[in-house]
Amino acid sequence: VFCMYTAQGTHQPGWLASQADMLAE
């Protein structure tokens, strides 16, 4: 699973990319 390390210092499993994230360069 993709996880995000957040600005609050926690690990959030289940991160989902937005369309903007998927198209970003």
mmCIF file of all heavy atoms, coordinates in Angstrom:
data_MODEL
# 
_entry.id   MODEL 
# 
loop_
_atom_site.group_PDB 
_atom_site.id 
_atom_site.type_symbol 
_atom_site.label_atom_id 
_atom_site.label_alt_id 
_atom_site.label_comp_id 
_atom_site.label_asym_id 
_atom_site.label_entity_id 
_atom_site.label_seq_id 
_atom_site.pdbx_PDB_ins_code 
_atom_site.Cartn_x 
_atom_site.Cartn_y 
_atom_site.Cartn_z 
_atom_site.occupancy 
_atom_site.B_iso_or_equiv 
_atom_site.pdbx_formal_charge 
_atom_site.auth_seq_id 
_atom_site.auth_comp_id 
_atom_site.auth_asym_id 
_atom_site.auth_atom_id 
_atom_site.pdbx_PDB_model_num 
ATOM 1   N N   . VAL A 1 1  ? 0.848   -1.196 0.000   1.00 0.00 ? 1  VAL A N   1 
ATOM 2   C CA  . VAL A 1 1  ? 0.000   0.000  0.000   1.00 0.00 ? 1  VAL A CA  1 
ATOM 3   C C   . VAL A 1 1  ? 0.880   1.242  0.000   1.00 0.00 ? 1  VAL A C   1 
ATOM 4   O O   . VAL A 1 1  ? 1.971   1.252  0.573   1.00 0.00 ? 1  VAL A O   1 
ATOM 5   C CB  . VAL A 1 1  ? -0.940  -0.018 1.242   1.00 0.00 ? 1  VAL A CB  1 
ATOM 6   C CG1 . VAL A 1 1  ? -0.165  -0.003 2.538   1.00 0.00 ? 1  VAL A CG1 1 
ATOM 7   C CG2 . VAL A 1 1  ? -1.940  1.104  1.199   1.00 0.00 ? 1  VAL A CG2 1 
ATOM 8   N N   . PHE A 1 2  ? 0.418   2.307  -0.677  1.00 0.00 ? 2  PHE A N   1 
ATOM 9   C CA  . PHE A 1 2  ? 1.095   3.590  -0.594  1.00 0.00 ? 2  PHE A CA  1 
ATOM 10  C C   . PHE A 1 2  ? 0.767   4.221  0.750   1.00 0.00 ? 2  PHE A C   1 
ATOM 11  O O   . PHE A 1 2  ? -0.387  4.218  1.186   1.00 0.00 ? 2  PHE A O   1 
ATOM 12  C CB  . PHE A 1 2  ? 0.632   4.551  -1.700  1.00 0.00 ? 2  PHE A CB  1 
ATOM 13  C CG  . PHE A 1 2  ? 1.127   4.181  -3.061  1.00 0.00 ? 2  PHE A CG  1 
ATOM 14  C CD1 . PHE A 1 2  ? 0.235   3.926  -4.079  1.00 0.00 ? 2  PHE A CD1 1 
ATOM 15  C CD2 . PHE A 1 2  ? 2.480   4.102  -3.337  1.00 0.00 ? 2  PHE A CD2 1 
ATOM 16  C CE1 . PHE A 1 2  ? 0.676   3.599  -5.348  1.00 0.00 ? 2  PHE A CE1 1 
ATOM 17  C CE2 . PHE A 1 2  ? 2.937   3.771  -4.598  1.00 0.00 ? 2  PHE A CE2 1 
ATOM 18  C CZ  . PHE A 1 2  ? 2.030   3.516  -5.603  1.00 0.00 ? 2  PHE A CZ  1 
ATOM 19  N N   . CYS A 1 3  ? 1.766   4.774  1.405   1.00 0.00 ? 3  CYS A N   1 
ATOM 20  C CA  . CYS A 1 3  ? 1.585   5.480  2.674   1.00 0.00 ? 3  CYS A CA  1 
ATOM 21  C C   . CYS A 1 3  ? 2.119   6.895  2.525   1.00 0.00 ? 3  CYS A C   1 
ATOM 22  O O   . CYS A 1 3  ? 3.065   7.133  1.779   1.00 0.00 ? 3  CYS A O   1 
ATOM 23  C CB  . CYS A 1 3  ? 2.354   4.796  3.800   1.00 0.00 ? 3  CYS A CB  1 
ATOM 24  S SG  . CYS A 1 3  ? 1.768   3.148  4.204   1.00 0.00 ? 3  CYS A SG  1 
ATOM 25  N N   . MET A 1 4  ? 1.514   7.816  3.252   1.00 0.00 ? 4  MET A N   1 
ATOM 26  C CA  . MET A 1 4  ? 2.008   9.190  3.282   1.00 0.00 ? 4  MET A CA  1 
ATOM 27  C C   . MET A 1 4  ? 2.559   9.481  4.670   1.00 0.00 ? 4  MET A C   1 
ATOM 28  O O   . MET A 1 4  ? 1.930   9.148  5.680   1.00 0.00 ? 4  MET A O   1 
ATOM 29  C CB  . MET A 1 4  ? 0.908   10.202 2.976   1.00 0.00 ? 4  MET A CB  1 
ATOM 30  C CG  . MET A 1 4  ? 1.376   11.648 3.167   1.00 0.00 ? 4  MET A CG  1 
ATOM 31  S SD  . MET A 1 4  ? 0.127   12.870 2.767   1.00 0.00 ? 4  MET A SD  1 
ATOM 32  C CE  . MET A 1 4  ? 0.579   13.174 1.067   1.00 0.00 ? 4  MET A CE  1 
ATOM 33  N N   . TYR A 1 5  ? 3.733   10.103 4.711   1.00 0.00 ? 5  TYR A N   1 
ATOM 34  C CA  . TYR A 1 5  ? 4.249   10.668 5.945   1.00 0.00 ? 5  TYR A CA  1 
ATOM 35  C C   . TYR A 1 5  ? 3.736   12.100 5.965   1.00 0.00 ? 5  TYR A C   1 
ATOM 36  O O   . TYR A 1 5  ? 4.035   12.895 5.073   1.00 0.00 ? 5  TYR A O   1 
ATOM 37  C CB  . TYR A 1 5  ? 5.773   10.622 5.982   1.00 0.00 ? 5  TYR A CB  1 
ATOM 38  C CG  . TYR A 1 5  ? 6.324   11.168 7.266   1.00 0.00 ? 5  TYR A CG  1 
ATOM 39  C CD1 . TYR A 1 5  ? 6.286   10.411 8.428   1.00 0.00 ? 5  TYR A CD1 1 
ATOM 40  C CD2 . TYR A 1 5  ? 6.859   12.446 7.321   1.00 0.00 ? 5  TYR A CD2 1 
ATOM 41  C CE1 . TYR A 1 5  ? 6.766   10.920 9.626   1.00 0.00 ? 5  TYR A CE1 1 
ATOM 42  C CE2 . TYR A 1 5  ? 7.347   12.956 8.512   1.00 0.00 ? 5  TYR A CE2 1 
ATOM 43  C CZ  . TYR A 1 5  ? 7.292   12.196 9.656   1.00 0.00 ? 5  TYR A CZ  1 
ATOM 44  O OH  . TYR A 1 5  ? 7.768   12.705 10.831  1.00 0.00 ? 5  TYR A OH  1 
ATOM 45  N N   . THR A 1 6  ? 2.917   12.419 6.948   1.00 0.00 ? 6  THR A N   1 
ATOM 46  C CA  . THR A 1 6  ? 2.198   13.698 6.972   1.00 0.00 ? 6  THR A CA  1 
ATOM 47  C C   . THR A 1 6  ? 3.008   14.811 7.630   1.00 0.00 ? 6  THR A C   1 
ATOM 48  O O   . THR A 1 6  ? 4.006   14.573 8.309   1.00 0.00 ? 6  THR A O   1 
ATOM 49  C CB  . THR A 1 6  ? 0.868   13.554 7.731   1.00 0.00 ? 6  THR A CB  1 
ATOM 50  O OG1 . THR A 1 6  ? 1.151   13.363 9.131   1.00 0.00 ? 6  THR A OG1 1 
ATOM 51  C CG2 . THR A 1 6  ? 0.040   12.387 7.198   1.00 0.00 ? 6  THR A CG2 1 
ATOM 52  N N   . ALA A 1 7  ? 2.524   16.030 7.461   1.00 0.00 ? 7  ALA A N   1 
ATOM 53  C CA  . ALA A 1 7  ? 3.153   17.198 8.089   1.00 0.00 ? 7  ALA A CA  1 
ATOM 54  C C   . ALA A 1 7  ? 3.065   17.130 9.612   1.00 0.00 ? 7  ALA A C   1 
ATOM 55  O O   . ALA A 1 7  ? 3.838   17.765 10.306  1.00 0.00 ? 7  ALA A O   1 
ATOM 56  C CB  . ALA A 1 7  ? 2.493   18.481 7.581   1.00 0.00 ? 7  ALA A CB  1 
ATOM 57  N N   . GLN A 1 8  ? 2.129   16.329 10.132  1.00 0.00 ? 8  GLN A N   1 
ATOM 58  C CA  . GLN A 1 8  ? 1.977   16.169 11.582  1.00 0.00 ? 8  GLN A CA  1 
ATOM 59  C C   . GLN A 1 8  ? 2.887   15.078 12.134  1.00 0.00 ? 8  GLN A C   1 
ATOM 60  O O   . GLN A 1 8  ? 2.870   14.788 13.325  1.00 0.00 ? 8  GLN A O   1 
ATOM 61  C CB  . GLN A 1 8  ? 0.524   15.842 11.924  1.00 0.00 ? 8  GLN A CB  1 
ATOM 62  C CG  . GLN A 1 8  ? -0.456  16.963 11.660  1.00 0.00 ? 8  GLN A CG  1 
ATOM 63  C CD  . GLN A 1 8  ? -0.765  17.139 10.183  1.00 0.00 ? 8  GLN A CD  1 
ATOM 64  O OE1 . GLN A 1 8  ? -0.770  16.177 9.412   1.00 0.00 ? 8  GLN A OE1 1 
ATOM 65  N NE2 . GLN A 1 8  ? -0.990  18.377 9.772   1.00 0.00 ? 8  GLN A NE2 1 
ATOM 66  N N   . GLY A 1 9  ? 3.668   14.437 11.260  1.00 0.00 ? 9  GLY A N   1 
ATOM 67  C CA  . GLY A 1 9  ? 4.613   13.418 11.713  1.00 0.00 ? 9  GLY A CA  1 
ATOM 68  C C   . GLY A 1 9  ? 4.008   12.038 11.894  1.00 0.00 ? 9  GLY A C   1 
ATOM 69  O O   . GLY A 1 9  ? 4.556   11.203 12.600  1.00 0.00 ? 9  GLY A O   1 
ATOM 70  N N   . THR A 1 10 ? 2.870   11.777 11.241  1.00 0.00 ? 10 THR A N   1 
ATOM 71  C CA  . THR A 1 10 ? 2.244   10.463 11.333  1.00 0.00 ? 10 THR A CA  1 
ATOM 72  C C   . THR A 1 10 ? 2.320   9.769  9.975   1.00 0.00 ? 10 THR A C   1 
ATOM 73  O O   . THR A 1 10 ? 2.523   10.418 8.945   1.00 0.00 ? 10 THR A O   1 
ATOM 74  C CB  . THR A 1 10 ? 0.767   10.575 11.762  1.00 0.00 ? 10 THR A CB  1 
ATOM 75  O OG1 . THR A 1 10 ? 0.055   11.341 10.784  1.00 0.00 ? 10 THR A OG1 1 
ATOM 76  C CG2 . THR A 1 10 ? 0.637   11.228 13.125  1.00 0.00 ? 10 THR A CG2 1 
ATOM 77  N N   . HIS A 1 11 ? 2.142   8.473  9.982   1.00 0.00 ? 11 HIS A N   1 
ATOM 78  C CA  . HIS A 1 11 ? 2.130   7.681  8.754   1.00 0.00 ? 11 HIS A CA  1 
ATOM 79  C C   . HIS A 1 11 ? 0.686   7.328  8.437   1.00 0.00 ? 11 HIS A C   1 
ATOM 80  O O   . HIS A 1 11 ? -0.010  6.751  9.270   1.00 0.00 ? 11 HIS A O   1 
ATOM 81  C CB  . HIS A 1 11 ? 2.964   6.408  8.929   1.00 0.00 ? 11 HIS A CB  1 
ATOM 82  C CG  . HIS A 1 11 ? 4.392   6.711  9.221   1.00 0.00 ? 11 HIS A CG  1 
ATOM 83  N ND1 . HIS A 1 11 ? 5.353   6.761  8.246   1.00 0.00 ? 11 HIS A ND1 1 
ATOM 84  C CD2 . HIS A 1 11 ? 5.015   6.999  10.380  1.00 0.00 ? 11 HIS A CD2 1 
ATOM 85  C CE1 . HIS A 1 11 ? 6.518   7.055  8.790   1.00 0.00 ? 11 HIS A CE1 1 
ATOM 86  N NE2 . HIS A 1 11 ? 6.331   7.203  10.086  1.00 0.00 ? 11 HIS A NE2 1 
ATOM 87  N N   . GLN A 1 12 ? 0.243   7.677  7.235   1.00 0.00 ? 12 GLN A N   1 
ATOM 88  C CA  . GLN A 1 12 ? -1.138  7.458  6.829   1.00 0.00 ? 12 GLN A CA  1 
ATOM 89  C C   . GLN A 1 12 ? -1.178  6.422  5.705   1.00 0.00 ? 12 GLN A C   1 
ATOM 90  O O   . GLN A 1 12 ? -0.863  6.743  4.561   1.00 0.00 ? 12 GLN A O   1 
ATOM 91  C CB  . GLN A 1 12 ? -1.765  8.772  6.357   1.00 0.00 ? 12 GLN A CB  1 
ATOM 92  C CG  . GLN A 1 12 ? -3.191  8.638  5.879   1.00 0.00 ? 12 GLN A CG  1 
ATOM 93  C CD  . GLN A 1 12 ? -4.123  8.198  6.984   1.00 0.00 ? 12 GLN A CD  1 
ATOM 94  O OE1 . GLN A 1 12 ? -4.167  8.813  8.036   1.00 0.00 ? 12 GLN A OE1 1 
ATOM 95  N NE2 . GLN A 1 12 ? -4.858  7.138  6.753   1.00 0.00 ? 12 GLN A NE2 1 
ATOM 96  N N   . PRO A 1 13 ? -1.540  5.156  6.023   1.00 0.00 ? 13 PRO A N   1 
ATOM 97  C CA  . PRO A 1 13 ? -1.641  4.161  4.955   1.00 0.00 ? 13 PRO A CA  1 
ATOM 98  C C   . PRO A 1 13 ? -2.863  4.407  4.085   1.00 0.00 ? 13 PRO A C   1 
ATOM 99  O O   . PRO A 1 13 ? -3.849  4.980  4.528   1.00 0.00 ? 13 PRO A O   1 
ATOM 100 C CB  . PRO A 1 13 ? -1.758  2.834  5.709   1.00 0.00 ? 13 PRO A CB  1 
ATOM 101 C CG  . PRO A 1 13 ? -2.269  3.194  7.059   1.00 0.00 ? 13 PRO A CG  1 
ATOM 102 C CD  . PRO A 1 13 ? -1.821  4.601  7.344   1.00 0.00 ? 13 PRO A CD  1 
ATOM 103 N N   . GLY A 1 14 ? -2.768  3.974  2.844   1.00 0.00 ? 14 GLY A N   1 
ATOM 104 C CA  . GLY A 1 14 ? -3.905  4.084  1.937   1.00 0.00 ? 14 GLY A CA  1 
ATOM 105 C C   . GLY A 1 14 ? -3.965  5.399  1.184   1.00 0.00 ? 14 GLY A C   1 
ATOM 106 O O   . GLY A 1 14 ? -5.023  5.797  0.714   1.00 0.00 ? 14 GLY A O   1 
ATOM 107 N N   . TRP A 1 15 ? -2.821  6.070  1.018   1.00 0.00 ? 15 TRP A N   1 
ATOM 108 C CA  . TRP A 1 15 ? -2.797  7.318  0.254   1.00 0.00 ? 15 TRP A CA  1 
ATOM 109 C C   . TRP A 1 15 ? -3.245  7.061  -1.168  1.00 0.00 ? 15 TRP A C   1 
ATOM 110 O O   . TRP A 1 15 ? -2.867  6.068  -1.786  1.00 0.00 ? 15 TRP A O   1 
ATOM 111 C CB  . TRP A 1 15 ? -1.389  7.915  0.266   1.00 0.00 ? 15 TRP A CB  1 
ATOM 112 C CG  . TRP A 1 15 ? -1.270  9.169  -0.543  1.00 0.00 ? 15 TRP A CG  1 
ATOM 113 C CD1 . TRP A 1 15 ? -1.563  10.427 -0.134  1.00 0.00 ? 15 TRP A CD1 1 
ATOM 114 C CD2 . TRP A 1 15 ? -0.824  9.280  -1.899  1.00 0.00 ? 15 TRP A CD2 1 
ATOM 115 N NE1 . TRP A 1 15 ? -1.335  11.330 -1.144  1.00 0.00 ? 15 TRP A NE1 1 
ATOM 116 C CE2 . TRP A 1 15 ? -0.881  10.633 -2.252  1.00 0.00 ? 15 TRP A CE2 1 
ATOM 117 C CE3 . TRP A 1 15 ? -0.398  8.368  -2.855  1.00 0.00 ? 15 TRP A CE3 1 
ATOM 118 C CZ2 . TRP A 1 15 ? -0.515  11.109 -3.497  1.00 0.00 ? 15 TRP A CZ2 1 
ATOM 119 C CZ3 . TRP A 1 15 ? -0.031  8.835  -4.107  1.00 0.00 ? 15 TRP A CZ3 1 
ATOM 120 C CH2 . TRP A 1 15 ? -0.092  10.190 -4.417  1.00 0.00 ? 15 TRP A CH2 1 
ATOM 121 N N   . LEU A 1 16 ? -4.100  7.939  -1.701  1.00 0.00 ? 16 LEU A N   1 
ATOM 122 C CA  . LEU A 1 16 ? -4.570  7.839  -3.076  1.00 0.00 ? 16 LEU A CA  1 
ATOM 123 C C   . LEU A 1 16 ? -4.154  9.083  -3.844  1.00 0.00 ? 16 LEU A C   1 
ATOM 124 O O   . LEU A 1 16 ? -4.326  10.205 -3.366  1.00 0.00 ? 16 LEU A O   1 
ATOM 125 C CB  . LEU A 1 16 ? -6.102  7.713  -3.118  1.00 0.00 ? 16 LEU A CB  1 
ATOM 126 C CG  . LEU A 1 16 ? -6.680  6.450  -2.494  1.00 0.00 ? 16 LEU A CG  1 
ATOM 127 C CD1 . LEU A 1 16 ? -8.200  6.522  -2.468  1.00 0.00 ? 16 LEU A CD1 1 
ATOM 128 C CD2 . LEU A 1 16 ? -6.206  5.224  -3.256  1.00 0.00 ? 16 LEU A CD2 1 
ATOM 129 N N   . ALA A 1 17 ? -3.626  8.883  -5.031  1.00 0.00 ? 17 ALA A N   1 
ATOM 130 C CA  . ALA A 1 17 ? -3.224  10.003 -5.887  1.00 0.00 ? 17 ALA A CA  1 
ATOM 131 C C   . ALA A 1 17 ? -4.456  10.648 -6.513  1.00 0.00 ? 17 ALA A C   1 
ATOM 132 O O   . ALA A 1 17 ? -5.362  9.948  -6.961  1.00 0.00 ? 17 ALA A O   1 
ATOM 133 C CB  . ALA A 1 17 ? -2.297  9.496  -6.986  1.00 0.00 ? 17 ALA A CB  1 
ATOM 134 N N   . SER A 1 18 ? -4.460  11.963 -6.548  1.00 0.00 ? 18 SER A N   1 
ATOM 135 C CA  . SER A 1 18 ? -5.515  12.682 -7.262  1.00 0.00 ? 18 SER A CA  1 
ATOM 136 C C   . SER A 1 18 ? -5.163  12.681 -8.754  1.00 0.00 ? 18 SER A C   1 
ATOM 137 O O   . SER A 1 18 ? -4.051  12.316 -9.152  1.00 0.00 ? 18 SER A O   1 
ATOM 138 C CB  . SER A 1 18 ? -5.607  14.124 -6.758  1.00 0.00 ? 18 SER A CB  1 
ATOM 139 O OG  . SER A 1 18 ? -4.425  14.830 -7.133  1.00 0.00 ? 18 SER A OG  1 
ATOM 140 N N   . GLN A 1 19 ? -6.098  13.125 -9.580  1.00 0.00 ? 19 GLN A N   1 
ATOM 141 C CA  . GLN A 1 19 ? -5.786  13.240 -11.004 1.00 0.00 ? 19 GLN A CA  1 
ATOM 142 C C   . GLN A 1 19 ? -4.645  14.227 -11.216 1.00 0.00 ? 19 GLN A C   1 
ATOM 143 O O   . GLN A 1 19 ? -3.765  13.998 -12.063 1.00 0.00 ? 19 GLN A O   1 
ATOM 144 C CB  . GLN A 1 19 ? -7.029  13.669 -11.782 1.00 0.00 ? 19 GLN A CB  1 
ATOM 145 C CG  . GLN A 1 19 ? -8.066  12.571 -11.864 1.00 0.00 ? 19 GLN A CG  1 
ATOM 146 C CD  . GLN A 1 19 ? -9.227  12.951 -12.761 1.00 0.00 ? 19 GLN A CD  1 
ATOM 147 O OE1 . GLN A 1 19 ? -9.092  13.722 -13.703 1.00 0.00 ? 19 GLN A OE1 1 
ATOM 148 N NE2 . GLN A 1 19 ? -10.389 12.393 -12.459 1.00 0.00 ? 19 GLN A NE2 1 
ATOM 149 N N   . ALA A 1 20 ? -4.633  15.304 -10.437 1.00 0.00 ? 20 ALA A N   1 
ATOM 150 C CA  . ALA A 1 20 ? -3.549  16.277 -10.549 1.00 0.00 ? 20 ALA A CA  1 
ATOM 151 C C   . ALA A 1 20 ? -2.208  15.632 -10.194 1.00 0.00 ? 20 ALA A C   1 
ATOM 152 O O   . ALA A 1 20 ? -1.194  15.883 -10.859 1.00 0.00 ? 20 ALA A O   1 
ATOM 153 C CB  . ALA A 1 20 ? -3.825  17.478 -9.647  1.00 0.00 ? 20 ALA A CB  1 
ATOM 154 N N   . ASP A 1 21 ? -2.192  14.797 -9.147  1.00 0.00 ? 21 ASP A N   1 
ATOM 155 C CA  . ASP A 1 21 ? -0.957  14.096 -8.773  1.00 0.00 ? 21 ASP A CA  1 
ATOM 156 C C   . ASP A 1 21 ? -0.493  13.178 -9.898  1.00 0.00 ? 21 ASP A C   1 
ATOM 157 O O   . ASP A 1 21 ? 0.697   13.122 -10.222 1.00 0.00 ? 21 ASP A O   1 
ATOM 158 C CB  . ASP A 1 21 ? -1.163  13.248 -7.507  1.00 0.00 ? 21 ASP A CB  1 
ATOM 159 C CG  . ASP A 1 21 ? -1.335  14.072 -6.246  1.00 0.00 ? 21 ASP A CG  1 
ATOM 160 O OD1 . ASP A 1 21 ? -0.758  15.168 -6.154  1.00 0.00 ? 21 ASP A OD1 1 
ATOM 161 O OD2 . ASP A 1 21 ? -2.055  13.595 -5.349  1.00 0.00 ? 21 ASP A OD2 1 
ATOM 162 N N   . MET A 1 22 ? -1.427  12.442 -10.504 1.00 0.00 ? 22 MET A N   1 
ATOM 163 C CA  . MET A 1 22 ? -1.063  11.485 -11.545 1.00 0.00 ? 22 MET A CA  1 
ATOM 164 C C   . MET A 1 22 ? -0.548  12.159 -12.809 1.00 0.00 ? 22 MET A C   1 
ATOM 165 O O   . MET A 1 22 ? 0.255   11.587 -13.540 1.00 0.00 ? 22 MET A O   1 
ATOM 166 C CB  . MET A 1 22 ? -2.258  10.587 -11.875 1.00 0.00 ? 22 MET A CB  1 
ATOM 167 C CG  . MET A 1 22 ? -2.580  9.607  -10.763 1.00 0.00 ? 22 MET A CG  1 
ATOM 168 S SD  . MET A 1 22 ? -3.880  8.464  -11.231 1.00 0.00 ? 22 MET A SD  1 
ATOM 169 C CE  . MET A 1 22 ? -5.332  9.378  -10.745 1.00 0.00 ? 22 MET A CE  1 
ATOM 170 N N   . LEU A 1 23 ? -1.005  13.374 -13.091 1.00 0.00 ? 23 LEU A N   1 
ATOM 171 C CA  . LEU A 1 23 ? -0.588  14.084 -14.296 1.00 0.00 ? 23 LEU A CA  1 
ATOM 172 C C   . LEU A 1 23 ? 0.587   15.030 -14.065 1.00 0.00 ? 23 LEU A C   1 
ATOM 173 O O   . LEU A 1 23 ? 1.141   15.566 -15.017 1.00 0.00 ? 23 LEU A O   1 
ATOM 174 C CB  . LEU A 1 23 ? -1.779  14.866 -14.868 1.00 0.00 ? 23 LEU A CB  1 
ATOM 175 C CG  . LEU A 1 23 ? -2.934  13.995 -15.368 1.00 0.00 ? 23 LEU A CG  1 
ATOM 176 C CD1 . LEU A 1 23 ? -4.139  14.857 -15.707 1.00 0.00 ? 23 LEU A CD1 1 
ATOM 177 C CD2 . LEU A 1 23 ? -2.497  13.159 -16.559 1.00 0.00 ? 23 LEU A CD2 1 
ATOM 178 N N   . ALA A 1 24 ? 0.984   15.211 -12.824 1.00 0.00 ? 24 ALA A N   1 
ATOM 179 C CA  . ALA A 1 24 ? 2.051   16.159 -12.490 1.00 0.00 ? 24 ALA A CA  1 
ATOM 180 C C   . ALA A 1 24 ? 3.410   15.680 -12.996 1.00 0.00 ? 24 ALA A C   1 
ATOM 181 O O   . ALA A 1 24 ? 3.673   14.484 -13.106 1.00 0.00 ? 24 ALA A O   1 
ATOM 182 C CB  . ALA A 1 24 ? 2.098   16.366 -10.980 1.00 0.00 ? 24 ALA A CB  1 
ATOM 183 N N   . GLU A 1 25 ? 4.259   16.631 -13.275 1.00 0.00 ? 25 GLU A N   1 
ATOM 184 C CA  . GLU A 1 25 ? 5.635   16.362 -13.711 1.00 0.00 ? 25 GLU A CA  1 
ATOM 185 C C   . GLU A 1 25 ? 6.647   16.862 -12.682 1.00 0.00 ? 25 GLU A C   1 
ATOM 186 O O   . GLU A 1 25 ? 7.836   16.952 -12.980 1.00 0.00 ? 25 GLU A O   1 
ATOM 187 C CB  . GLU A 1 25 ? 5.887   17.061 -15.049 1.00 0.00 ? 25 GLU A CB  1 
ATOM 188 C CG  . GLU A 1 25 ? 4.982   16.591 -16.174 1.00 0.00 ? 25 GLU A CG  1 
ATOM 189 C CD  . GLU A 1 25 ? 5.420   15.255 -16.761 1.00 0.00 ? 25 GLU A CD  1 
ATOM 190 O OE1 . GLU A 1 25 ? 6.614   14.912 -16.633 1.00 0.00 ? 25 GLU A OE1 1 
ATOM 191 O OE2 . GLU A 1 25 ? 4.561   14.561 -17.335 1.00 0.00 ? 25 GLU A OE2 1 
# 
